[in-house]
Amino acid sequence: MIIGIILLLLVVGWLAMTYFPSTNFQAWFYETRYAWLGWRFVLYVAIWLLMVQLNRKGQMPLKARLMILSVIPIIEGLNLLYLL
């Protein structure tokens, strides 16, 4: 299912770039950057809630929790580097 969603998003991106070549997507992302920041926070809360639910059902190994939680600062750090 995840592979299907990724492929669908790739096709949508390809169609957008093919049929709307004069659209400045970078400017659009910059204008809507606070909405994207809010969306990322929503996703992070969803990840946190899923981790809490997994811990209630059975103890998640520490290594797995640290791997999941370390991805968030790495992604945000890459986003900050992109802005510089």
PDB file of N, CA and C in Angstrom:
ATOM      1  N   MET A   1       0.814  -1.185   0.000  1.00  0.00           N
ATOM      2  CA  MET A   1       0.000   0.000   0.000  1.00  0.00           C
ATOM      3  C   MET A   1       0.866   1.260   0.000  1.00  0.00           C
ATOM      4  N   ILE A   2       1.923   1.251   0.798  1.00  0.00           N
ATOM      5  CA  ILE A   2       2.803   2.419   0.866  1.00  0.00           C
ATOM      6  C   ILE A   2       3.485   2.645  -0.477  1.00  0.00           C
ATOM      7  N   ILE A   3       3.904   1.567  -1.122  1.00  0.00           N
ATOM      8  CA  ILE A   3       4.541   1.692  -2.439  1.00  0.00           C
ATOM      9  C   ILE A   3       3.548   2.289  -3.436  1.00  0.00           C
ATOM     10  N   GLY A   4       2.293   1.875  -3.360  1.00  0.00           N
ATOM     11  CA  GLY A   4       1.263   2.417  -4.244  1.00  0.00           C
ATOM     12  C   GLY A   4       1.052   3.911  -4.038  1.00  0.00           C
ATOM     13  N   ILE A   5       1.054   4.342  -2.776  1.00  0.00           N
ATOM     14  CA  ILE A   5       0.902   5.771  -2.478  1.00  0.00           C
ATOM     15  C   ILE A   5       2.088   6.552  -3.015  1.00  0.00           C
ATOM     16  N   ILE A   6       3.285   6.024  -2.835  1.00  0.00           N
ATOM     17  CA  ILE A   6       4.484   6.702  -3.335  1.00  0.00           C
ATOM     18  C   ILE A   6       4.434   6.810  -4.854  1.00  0.00           C
ATOM     19  N   LEU A   7       4.055   5.729  -5.526  1.00  0.00           N
ATOM     20  CA  LEU A   7       3.954   5.762  -6.986  1.00  0.00           C
ATOM     21  C   LEU A   7       2.881   6.748  -7.448  1.00  0.00           C
ATOM     22  N   LEU A   8       1.757   6.785  -6.751  1.00  0.00           N
ATOM     23  CA  LEU A   8       0.704   7.737  -7.091  1.00  0.00           C
ATOM     24  C   LEU A   8       1.197   9.174  -6.953  1.00  0.00           C
ATOM     25  N   LEU A   9       1.918   9.463  -5.880  1.00  0.00           N
ATOM     26  CA  LEU A   9       2.448  10.815  -5.686  1.00  0.00           C
ATOM     27  C   LEU A   9       3.485  11.167  -6.749  1.00  0.00           C
ATOM     28  N   LEU A  10       4.287  10.198  -7.153  1.00  0.00           N
ATOM     29  CA  LEU A  10       5.247  10.451  -8.232  1.00  0.00           C
ATOM     30  C   LEU A  10       4.541  10.774  -9.546  1.00  0.00           C
ATOM     31  N   VAL A  11       3.468  10.053  -9.844  1.00  0.00           N
ATOM     32  CA  VAL A  11       2.709  10.323 -11.073  1.00  0.00           C
ATOM     33  C   VAL A  11       2.054  11.702 -11.005  1.00  0.00           C
ATOM     34  N   VAL A  12       1.492  12.052  -9.857  1.00  0.00           N
ATOM     35  CA  VAL A  12       0.883  13.379  -9.702  1.00  0.00           C
ATOM     36  C   VAL A  12       1.934  14.467  -9.871  1.00  0.00           C
ATOM     37  N   GLY A  13       3.112  14.282  -9.287  1.00  0.00           N
ATOM     38  CA  GLY A  13       4.197  15.252  -9.458  1.00  0.00           C
ATOM     39  C   GLY A  13       4.640  15.373 -10.900  1.00  0.00           C
ATOM     40  N   TRP A  14       4.745  14.246 -11.581  1.00  0.00           N
ATOM     41  CA  TRP A  14       5.141  14.267 -12.992  1.00  0.00           C
ATOM     42  C   TRP A  14       4.096  14.999 -13.829  1.00  0.00           C
ATOM     43  N   LEU A  15       2.813  14.721 -13.563  1.00  0.00           N
ATOM     44  CA  LEU A  15       1.747  15.404 -14.303  1.00  0.00           C
ATOM     45  C   LEU A  15       1.767  16.907 -14.036  1.00  0.00           C
ATOM     46  N   ALA A  16       1.994  17.294 -12.790  1.00  0.00           N
ATOM     47  CA  ALA A  16       2.041  18.722 -12.457  1.00  0.00           C
ATOM     48  C   ALA A  16       3.191  19.410 -13.169  1.00  0.00           C
ATOM     49  N   MET A  17       4.351  18.776 -13.204  1.00  0.00           N
ATOM     50  CA  MET A  17       5.507  19.388 -13.862  1.00  0.00           C
ATOM     51  C   MET A  17       5.345  19.393 -15.382  1.00  0.00           C
ATOM     52  N   THR A  18       4.637  18.414 -15.934  1.00  0.00           N
ATOM     53  CA  THR A  18       4.464  18.328 -17.381  1.00  0.00           C
ATOM     54  C   THR A  18       3.406  19.308 -17.885  1.00  0.00           C
ATOM     55  N   TYR A  19       2.274  19.365 -17.203  1.00  0.00           N
ATOM     56  CA  TYR A  19       1.154  20.157 -17.706  1.00  0.00           C
ATOM     57  C   TYR A  19       1.078  21.565 -17.117  1.00  0.00           C
ATOM     58  N   PHE A  20       1.882  21.869 -16.107  1.00  0.00           N
ATOM     59  CA  PHE A  20       1.938  23.220 -15.542  1.00  0.00           C
ATOM     60  C   PHE A  20       3.390  23.682 -15.470  1.00  0.00           C
ATOM     61  N   PRO A  21       4.081  23.779 -16.606  1.00  0.00           N
ATOM     62  CA  PRO A  21       5.517  24.097 -16.564  1.00  0.00           C
ATOM     63  C   PRO A  21       5.819  25.527 -16.126  1.00  0.00           C
ATOM     64  N   SER A  22       4.874  26.442 -16.282  1.00  0.00           N
ATOM     65  CA  SER A  22       5.153  27.830 -15.919  1.00  0.00           C
ATOM     66  C   SER A  22       4.876  28.120 -14.449  1.00  0.00           C
ATOM     67  N   THR A  23       4.360  27.154 -13.715  1.00  0.00           N
ATOM     68  CA  THR A  23       4.074  27.352 -12.298  1.00  0.00           C
ATOM     69  C   THR A  23       5.368  27.301 -11.504  1.00  0.00           C
ATOM     70  N   ASN A  24       5.552  28.293 -10.650  1.00  0.00           N
ATOM     71  CA  ASN A  24       6.741  28.357  -9.808  1.00  0.00           C
ATOM     72  C   ASN A  24       6.433  27.644  -8.490  1.00  0.00           C
ATOM     73  N   PHE A  25       6.741  26.349  -8.440  1.00  0.00           N
ATOM     74  CA  PHE A  25       6.431  25.561  -7.252  1.00  0.00           C
ATOM     75  C   PHE A  25       7.269  25.979  -6.056  1.00  0.00           C
ATOM     76  N   GLN A  26       8.484  26.433  -6.277  1.00  0.00           N
ATOM     77  CA  GLN A  26       9.325  26.863  -5.161  1.00  0.00           C
ATOM     78  C   GLN A  26       8.707  28.078  -4.470  1.00  0.00           C
ATOM     79  N   ALA A  27       8.201  29.021  -5.241  1.00  0.00           N
ATOM     80  CA  ALA A  27       7.541  30.190  -4.654  1.00  0.00           C
ATOM     81  C   ALA A  27       6.270  29.776  -3.921  1.00  0.00           C
ATOM     82  N   TRP A  28       5.540  28.825  -4.491  1.00  0.00           N
ATOM     83  CA  TRP A  28       4.315  28.368  -3.841  1.00  0.00           C
ATOM     84  C   TRP A  28       4.619  27.693  -2.507  1.00  0.00           C
ATOM     85  N   PHE A  29       5.657  26.840  -2.481  1.00  0.00           N
ATOM     86  CA  PHE A  29       6.033  26.200  -1.223  1.00  0.00           C
ATOM     87  C   PHE A  29       6.498  27.235  -0.208  1.00  0.00           C
ATOM     88  N   TYR A  30       7.189  28.276  -0.673  1.00  0.00           N
ATOM     89  CA  TYR A  30       7.652  29.319   0.244  1.00  0.00           C
ATOM     90  C   TYR A  30       6.466  30.102   0.811  1.00  0.00           C
ATOM     91  N   GLU A  31       5.485  30.398  -0.024  1.00  0.00           N
ATOM     92  CA  GLU A  31       4.312  31.138   0.441  1.00  0.00           C
ATOM     93  C   GLU A  31       3.475  30.322   1.419  1.00  0.00           C
ATOM     94  N   THR A  32       3.472  29.029   1.276  1.00  0.00           N
ATOM     95  CA  THR A  32       2.665  28.164   2.143  1.00  0.00           C
ATOM     96  C   THR A  32       3.527  27.419   3.159  1.00  0.00           C
ATOM     97  N   ARG A  33       4.693  27.963   3.479  1.00  0.00           N
ATOM     98  CA  ARG A  33       5.631  27.253   4.352  1.00  0.00           C
ATOM     99  C   ARG A  33       5.066  27.020   5.750  1.00  0.00           C
ATOM    100  N   TYR A  34       4.258  27.931   6.273  1.00  0.00           N
ATOM    101  CA  TYR A  34       3.709  27.737   7.613  1.00  0.00           C
ATOM    102  C   TYR A  34       2.646  26.638   7.627  1.00  0.00           C
ATOM    103  N   ALA A  35       1.929  26.499   6.545  1.00  0.00           N
ATOM    104  CA  ALA A  35       0.977  25.386   6.451  1.00  0.00           C
ATOM    105  C   ALA A  35       1.727  24.057   6.416  1.00  0.00           C
ATOM    106  N   TRP A  36       2.850  24.002   5.684  1.00  0.00           N
ATOM    107  CA  TRP A  36       3.649  22.773   5.636  1.00  0.00           C
ATOM    108  C   TRP A  36       4.279  22.485   6.993  1.00  0.00           C
ATOM    109  N   LEU A  37       4.680  23.533   7.716  1.00  0.00           N
ATOM    110  CA  LEU A  37       5.218  23.336   9.064  1.00  0.00           C
ATOM    111  C   LEU A  37       4.145  22.746   9.973  1.00  0.00           C
ATOM    112  N   GLY A  38       2.936  23.287   9.885  1.00  0.00           N
ATOM    113  CA  GLY A  38       1.828  22.742  10.667  1.00  0.00           C
ATOM    114  C   GLY A  38       1.531  21.296  10.309  1.00  0.00           C
ATOM    115  N   TRP A  39       1.596  20.973   9.015  1.00  0.00           N
ATOM    116  CA  TRP A  39       1.362  19.594   8.574  1.00  0.00           C
ATOM    117  C   TRP A  39       2.418  18.657   9.142  1.00  0.00           C
ATOM    118  N   ARG A  40       3.682  19.114   9.166  1.00  0.00           N
ATOM    119  CA  ARG A  40       4.742  18.274   9.739  1.00  0.00           C
ATOM    120  C   ARG A  40       4.497  18.039  11.225  1.00  0.00           C
ATOM    121  N   PHE A  41       4.043  19.068  11.945  1.00  0.00           N
ATOM    122  CA  PHE A  41       3.746  18.885  13.358  1.00  0.00           C
ATOM    123  C   PHE A  41       2.610  17.881  13.553  1.00  0.00           C
ATOM    124  N   VAL A  42       1.611  17.927  12.691  1.00  0.00           N
ATOM    125  CA  VAL A  42       0.515  16.951  12.764  1.00  0.00           C
ATOM    126  C   VAL A  42       1.057  15.538  12.563  1.00  0.00           C
ATOM    127  N   LEU A  43       1.938  15.370  11.589  1.00  0.00           N
ATOM    128  CA  LEU A  43       2.523  14.046  11.352  1.00  0.00           C
ATOM    129  C   LEU A  43       3.370  13.589  12.534  1.00  0.00           C
ATOM    130  N   TYR A  44       4.122  14.514  13.149  1.00  0.00           N
ATOM    131  CA  TYR A  44       4.942  14.145  14.302  1.00  0.00           C
ATOM    132  C   TYR A  44       4.071  13.736  15.483  1.00  0.00           C
ATOM    133  N   VAL A  45       2.953  14.414  15.681  1.00  0.00           N
ATOM    134  CA  VAL A  45       2.029  14.035  16.754  1.00  0.00           C
ATOM    135  C   VAL A  45       1.439  12.657  16.464  1.00  0.00           C
ATOM    136  N   ALA A  46       1.120  12.384  15.209  1.00  0.00           N
ATOM    137  CA  ALA A  46       0.593  11.061  14.845  1.00  0.00           C
ATOM    138  C   ALA A  46       1.629   9.976  15.123  1.00  0.00           C
ATOM    139  N   ILE A  47       2.890  10.245  14.797  1.00  0.00           N
ATOM    140  CA  ILE A  47       3.958   9.274  15.084  1.00  0.00           C
ATOM    141  C   ILE A  47       4.070   9.052  16.580  1.00  0.00           C
ATOM    142  N   TRP A  48       4.014  10.133  17.350  1.00  0.00           N
ATOM    143  CA  TRP A  48       4.123  10.023  18.802  1.00  0.00           C
ATOM    144  C   TRP A  48       2.955   9.207  19.361  1.00  0.00           C
ATOM    145  N   LEU A  49       1.729   9.472  18.887  1.00  0.00           N
ATOM    146  CA  LEU A  49       0.573   8.721  19.372  1.00  0.00           C
ATOM    147  C   LEU A  49       0.669   7.242  19.015  1.00  0.00           C
ATOM    148  N   LEU A  50       1.153   6.939  17.822  1.00  0.00           N
ATOM    149  CA  LEU A  50       1.333   5.536  17.445  1.00  0.00           C
ATOM    150  C   LEU A  50       2.372   4.854  18.324  1.00  0.00           C
ATOM    151  N   MET A  51       3.435   5.574  18.661  1.00  0.00           N
ATOM    152  CA  MET A  51       4.447   4.986  19.546  1.00  0.00           C
ATOM    153  C   MET A  51       3.882   4.739  20.936  1.00  0.00           C
ATOM    154  N   VAL A  52       3.046   5.651  21.430  1.00  0.00           N
ATOM    155  CA  VAL A  52       2.414   5.458  22.741  1.00  0.00           C
ATOM    156  C   VAL A  52       1.505   4.229  22.705  1.00  0.00           C
ATOM    157  N   GLN A  53       0.730   4.085  21.637  1.00  0.00           N
ATOM    158  CA  GLN A  53      -0.150   2.919  21.519  1.00  0.00           C
ATOM    159  C   GLN A  53       0.651   1.619  21.452  1.00  0.00           C
ATOM    160  N   LEU A  54       1.763   1.638  20.720  1.00  0.00           N
ATOM    161  CA  LEU A  54       2.599   0.438  20.648  1.00  0.00           C
ATOM    162  C   LEU A  54       3.192   0.097  22.010  1.00  0.00           C
ATOM    163  N   ASN A  55       3.569   1.101  22.778  1.00  0.00           N
ATOM    164  CA  ASN A  55       4.122   0.838  24.104  1.00  0.00           C
ATOM    165  C   ASN A  55       3.067   0.296  25.058  1.00  0.00           C
ATOM    166  N   ARG A  56       1.820   0.680  24.883  1.00  0.00           N
ATOM    167  CA  ARG A  56       0.759   0.160  25.747  1.00  0.00           C
ATOM    168  C   ARG A  56       0.491  -1.315  25.463  1.00  0.00           C
ATOM    169  N   LYS A  57       0.575  -1.710  24.214  1.00  0.00           N
ATOM    170  CA  LYS A  57       0.297  -3.106  23.854  1.00  0.00           C
ATOM    171  C   LYS A  57       1.454  -4.025  24.219  1.00  0.00           C
ATOM    172  N   GLY A  58       2.649  -3.550  24.108  1.00  0.00           N
ATOM    173  CA  GLY A  58       3.832  -4.330  24.433  1.00  0.00           C
ATOM    174  C   GLY A  58       5.039  -3.421  24.392  1.00  0.00           C
ATOM    175  N   GLN A  59       5.962  -3.662  25.261  1.00  0.00           N
ATOM    176  CA  GLN A  59       7.119  -2.777  25.347  1.00  0.00           C
ATOM    177  C   GLN A  59       7.921  -2.806  24.051  1.00  0.00           C
ATOM    178  N   MET A  60       8.073  -1.636  23.460  1.00  0.00           N
ATOM    179  CA  MET A  60       8.875  -1.502  22.245  1.00  0.00           C
ATOM    180  C   MET A  60      10.343  -1.456  22.652  1.00  0.00           C
ATOM    181  N   PRO A  61      11.210  -2.130  21.923  1.00  0.00           N
ATOM    182  CA  PRO A  61      12.633  -2.094  22.264  1.00  0.00           C
ATOM    183  C   PRO A  61      13.186  -0.665  22.216  1.00  0.00           C
ATOM    184  N   LEU A  62      14.125  -0.398  23.106  1.00  0.00           N
ATOM    185  CA  LEU A  62      14.705   0.936  23.198  1.00  0.00           C
ATOM    186  C   LEU A  62      15.355   1.350  21.885  1.00  0.00           C
ATOM    187  N   LYS A  63      16.028   0.419  21.233  1.00  0.00           N
ATOM    188  CA  LYS A  63      16.700   0.735  19.972  1.00  0.00           C
ATOM    189  C   LYS A  63      15.688   1.183  18.915  1.00  0.00           C
ATOM    190  N   ALA A  64      14.543   0.537  18.856  1.00  0.00           N
ATOM    191  CA  ALA A  64      13.511   0.918  17.883  1.00  0.00           C
ATOM    192  C   ALA A  64      12.963   2.305  18.193  1.00  0.00           C
ATOM    193  N   ARG A  65      12.719   2.591  19.478  1.00  0.00           N
ATOM    194  CA  ARG A  65      12.222   3.924  19.844  1.00  0.00           C
ATOM    195  C   ARG A  65      13.224   5.004  19.502  1.00  0.00           C
ATOM    196  N   LEU A  66      14.498   4.745  19.791  1.00  0.00           N
ATOM    197  CA  LEU A  66      15.527   5.744  19.495  1.00  0.00           C
ATOM    198  C   LEU A  66      15.686   5.961  17.995  1.00  0.00           C
ATOM    199  N   MET A  67      15.559   4.899  17.215  1.00  0.00           N
ATOM    200  CA  MET A  67      15.658   5.050  15.759  1.00  0.00           C
ATOM    201  C   MET A  67      14.510   5.898  15.224  1.00  0.00           C
ATOM    202  N   ILE A  68      13.305   5.653  15.705  1.00  0.00           N
ATOM    203  CA  ILE A  68      12.151   6.423  15.245  1.00  0.00           C
ATOM    204  C   ILE A  68      12.287   7.880  15.666  1.00  0.00           C
ATOM    205  N   LEU A  69      12.659   8.107  16.914  1.00  0.00           N
ATOM    206  CA  LEU A  69      12.758   9.477  17.408  1.00  0.00           C
ATOM    207  C   LEU A  69      13.955  10.225  16.841  1.00  0.00           C
ATOM    208  N   SER A  70      14.988   9.522  16.399  1.00  0.00           N
ATOM    209  CA  SER A  70      16.146  10.213  15.831  1.00  0.00           C
ATOM    210  C   SER A  70      15.895  10.666  14.396  1.00  0.00           C
ATOM    211  N   VAL A  71      14.917  10.081  13.736  1.00  0.00           N
ATOM    212  CA  VAL A  71      14.620  10.469  12.352  1.00  0.00           C
ATOM    213  C   VAL A  71      14.062  11.894  12.297  1.00  0.00           C
ATOM    214  N   ILE A  72      13.259  12.272  13.269  1.00  0.00           N
ATOM    215  CA  ILE A  72      12.613  13.588  13.244  1.00  0.00           C
ATOM    216  C   ILE A  72      13.633  14.722  13.275  1.00  0.00           C
ATOM    217  N   PRO A  73      14.598  14.755  14.217  1.00  0.00           N
ATOM    218  CA  PRO A  73      15.578  15.856  14.172  1.00  0.00           C
ATOM    219  C   PRO A  73      16.459  15.824  12.929  1.00  0.00           C
ATOM    220  N   ILE A  74      16.737  14.643  12.409  1.00  0.00           N
ATOM    221  CA  ILE A  74      17.559  14.562  11.190  1.00  0.00           C
ATOM    222  C   ILE A  74      16.810  15.193  10.014  1.00  0.00           C
ATOM    223  N   ILE A  75      15.536  14.882   9.870  1.00  0.00           N
ATOM    224  CA  ILE A  75      14.747  15.449   8.775  1.00  0.00           C
ATOM    225  C   ILE A  75      14.631  16.961   8.921  1.00  0.00           C
ATOM    226  N   GLU A  76      14.355  17.428  10.131  1.00  0.00           N
ATOM    227  CA  GLU A  76      14.236  18.874  10.333  1.00  0.00           C
ATOM    228  C   GLU A  76      15.582  19.564  10.134  1.00  0.00           C
ATOM    229  N   GLY A  77      16.670  18.912  10.510  1.00  0.00           N
ATOM    230  CA  GLY A  77      17.996  19.482  10.266  1.00  0.00           C
ATOM    231  C   GLY A  77      18.284  19.615   8.783  1.00  0.00           C
ATOM    232  N   LEU A  78      17.890  18.608   8.009  1.00  0.00           N
ATOM    233  CA  LEU A  78      18.060  18.700   6.556  1.00  0.00           C
ATOM    234  C   LEU A  78      17.208  19.822   5.969  1.00  0.00           C
ATOM    235  N   ASN A  79      16.012  20.016   6.511  1.00  0.00           N
ATOM    236  CA  ASN A  79      15.170  21.124   6.045  1.00  0.00           C
ATOM    237  C   ASN A  79      15.822  22.465   6.346  1.00  0.00           C
ATOM    238  N   LEU A  80      16.430  22.592   7.513  1.00  0.00           N
ATOM    239  CA  LEU A  80      17.109  23.847   7.854  1.00  0.00           C
ATOM    240  C   LEU A  80      18.323  24.074   6.966  1.00  0.00           C
ATOM    241  N   LEU A  81      19.062  23.015   6.668  1.00  0.00           N
ATOM    242  CA  LEU A  81      20.215  23.164   5.779  1.00  0.00           C
ATOM    243  C   LEU A  81      19.779  23.587   4.383  1.00  0.00           C
ATOM    244  N   TYR A  82      18.623  23.116   3.947  1.00  0.00           N
ATOM    245  CA  TYR A  82      18.116  23.497   2.632  1.00  0.00           C
ATOM    246  C   TYR A  82      17.808  24.994   2.582  1.00  0.00           C
ATOM    247  N   LEU A  83      17.344  25.546   3.711  1.00  0.00           N
ATOM    248  CA  LEU A  83      16.997  26.968   3.738  1.00  0.00           C
ATOM    249  C   LEU A  83      18.218  27.871   3.746  1.00  0.00           C
ATOM    250  N   LEU A  84      19.368  27.354   4.181  1.00  0.00           N
ATOM    251  CA  LEU A  84      20.565  28.202   4.255  1.00  0.00           C
ATOM    252  C   LEU A  84      21.196  28.428   2.938  1.00  0.00           C
TER     253      LEU A  84
END
